[in-house]
Amino acid sequence: MSVQDDLAAVKRRLQDLERTVEELEHRVGTERGTPTGTRDEPMVTIPDTPYDSQKWTDTDDEGLGARDRHAP
């Protein structure tokens, strides 16, 4: 296969993916009883800034237990 054939195949697959996603969005929207493209709940923005490390000073590592103790 040539580079042009590869690019054409990728383009076809992307178009198939777009069509499938649109069909899925439409199907999900009609099953929920809401038109496609609308949401019942508002979007929540999650900031990119790191969390304050002081929030985690007294926490245990979930599933690993406390930091100052050893497993039995």
C-alpha atoms as a PDB file:
ATOM      1  CA  MET A   1       0.000   0.000   0.000  1.00  0.00           C
ATOM      2  CA  SER A   2       1.122   3.489  -0.731  1.00  0.00           C
ATOM      3  CA  VAL A   3       0.975   6.441   1.625  1.00  0.00           C
ATOM      4  CA  GLN A   4      -2.009   7.796  -0.317  1.00  0.00           C
ATOM      5  CA  ASP A   5      -3.866   4.510   0.130  1.00  0.00           C
ATOM      6  CA  ASP A   6      -3.120   4.567   3.859  1.00  0.00           C
ATOM      7  CA  LEU A   7      -4.344   8.144   4.186  1.00  0.00           C
ATOM      8  CA  ALA A   8      -7.518   7.350   2.250  1.00  0.00           C
ATOM      9  CA  ALA A   9      -8.183   4.362   4.507  1.00  0.00           C
ATOM     10  CA  VAL A  10      -7.659   6.483   7.631  1.00  0.00           C
ATOM     11  CA  LYS A  11      -9.998   9.151   6.271  1.00  0.00           C
ATOM     12  CA  ARG A  12     -12.718   6.555   5.591  1.00  0.00           C
ATOM     13  CA  ARG A  13     -12.367   5.117   9.087  1.00  0.00           C
ATOM     14  CA  LEU A  14     -12.565   8.571  10.657  1.00  0.00           C
ATOM     15  CA  GLN A  15     -15.723   9.288   8.684  1.00  0.00           C
ATOM     16  CA  ASP A  16     -17.185   5.953   9.818  1.00  0.00           C
ATOM     17  CA  LEU A  17     -16.295   6.813  13.416  1.00  0.00           C
ATOM     18  CA  GLU A  18     -17.910  10.255  13.154  1.00  0.00           C
ATOM     19  CA  ARG A  19     -21.075   8.731  11.711  1.00  0.00           C
ATOM     20  CA  THR A  20     -21.183   6.074  14.440  1.00  0.00           C
ATOM     21  CA  VAL A  21     -20.700   8.635  17.207  1.00  0.00           C
ATOM     22  CA  GLU A  22     -23.477  10.820  15.769  1.00  0.00           C
ATOM     23  CA  GLU A  23     -25.816   7.812  15.646  1.00  0.00           C
ATOM     24  CA  LEU A  24     -24.935   6.890  19.223  1.00  0.00           C
ATOM     25  CA  GLU A  25     -25.502  10.462  20.445  1.00  0.00           C
ATOM     26  CA  HIS A  26     -28.862  10.512  18.705  1.00  0.00           C
ATOM     27  CA  ARG A  27     -29.855   7.134  20.150  1.00  0.00           C
ATOM     28  CA  VAL A  28     -28.822   8.083  23.693  1.00  0.00           C
ATOM     29  CA  GLY A  29     -30.615  11.423  23.420  1.00  0.00           C
ATOM     30  CA  THR A  30     -33.873   9.827  22.291  1.00  0.00           C
ATOM     31  CA  GLU A  31     -33.711   7.079  24.945  1.00  0.00           C
ATOM     32  CA  ARG A  32     -33.378   9.650  27.713  1.00  0.00           C
ATOM     33  CA  GLY A  33     -36.181  11.711  26.278  1.00  0.00           C
ATOM     34  CA  THR A  34     -33.982  14.755  25.728  1.00  0.00           C
ATOM     35  CA  PRO A  35     -33.015  16.123  22.351  1.00  0.00           C
ATOM     36  CA  THR A  36     -29.435  15.588  21.257  1.00  0.00           C
ATOM     37  CA  GLY A  37     -27.044  18.333  22.282  1.00  0.00           C
ATOM     38  CA  THR A  38     -28.783  19.388  25.498  1.00  0.00           C
ATOM     39  CA  ARG A  39     -27.903  18.487  29.066  1.00  0.00           C
ATOM     40  CA  ASP A  40     -29.987  18.343  32.221  1.00  0.00           C
ATOM     41  CA  GLU A  41     -27.069  19.183  34.515  1.00  0.00           C
ATOM     42  CA  PRO A  42     -24.504  21.947  34.000  1.00  0.00           C
ATOM     43  CA  MET A  43     -20.928  21.182  33.019  1.00  0.00           C
ATOM     44  CA  VAL A  44     -18.369  21.294  35.830  1.00  0.00           C
ATOM     45  CA  THR A  45     -14.979  22.826  35.145  1.00  0.00           C
ATOM     46  CA  ILE A  46     -12.063  21.068  36.818  1.00  0.00           C
ATOM     47  CA  PRO A  47      -9.060  23.351  37.291  1.00  0.00           C
ATOM     48  CA  ASP A  48      -5.623  22.365  36.019  1.00  0.00           C
ATOM     49  CA  THR A  49      -3.887  23.759  39.097  1.00  0.00           C
ATOM     50  CA  PRO A  50      -2.453  21.176  41.517  1.00  0.00           C
ATOM     51  CA  TYR A  51      -4.255  20.438  44.775  1.00  0.00           C
ATOM     52  CA  ASP A  52      -2.956  21.872  48.014  1.00  0.00           C
ATOM     53  CA  SER A  53      -0.697  19.155  49.495  1.00  0.00           C
ATOM     54  CA  GLN A  54      -1.751  20.161  53.017  1.00  0.00           C
ATOM     55  CA  LYS A  55      -5.135  18.562  52.343  1.00  0.00           C
ATOM     56  CA  TRP A  56      -3.540  15.130  52.210  1.00  0.00           C
ATOM     57  CA  THR A  57      -1.127  15.194  55.179  1.00  0.00           C
ATOM     58  CA  ASP A  58      -3.221  12.998  57.520  1.00  0.00           C
ATOM     59  CA  THR A  59      -4.670  10.614  54.951  1.00  0.00           C
ATOM     60  CA  ASP A  60      -4.002   6.929  54.535  1.00  0.00           C
ATOM     61  CA  ASP A  61      -3.086   5.461  51.179  1.00  0.00           C
ATOM     62  CA  GLU A  62      -6.313   3.778  50.180  1.00  0.00           C
ATOM     63  CA  GLY A  63      -5.849   0.035  50.098  1.00  0.00           C
ATOM     64  CA  LEU A  64      -2.338   0.263  51.568  1.00  0.00           C
ATOM     65  CA  GLY A  65      -3.173   1.274  55.139  1.00  0.00           C
ATOM     66  CA  ALA A  66      -1.623   3.910  57.348  1.00  0.00           C
ATOM     67  CA  ARG A  67       1.865   5.191  56.580  1.00  0.00           C
ATOM     68  CA  ASP A  68       3.264   4.645  60.061  1.00  0.00           C
ATOM     69  CA  ARG A  69       1.995   1.050  60.479  1.00  0.00           C
ATOM     70  CA  HIS A  70       2.935  -2.252  58.887  1.00  0.00           C
ATOM     71  CA  ALA A  71       0.623  -4.969  57.638  1.00  0.00           C
ATOM     72  CA  PRO A  72       0.120  -7.902  60.038  1.00  0.00           C
END
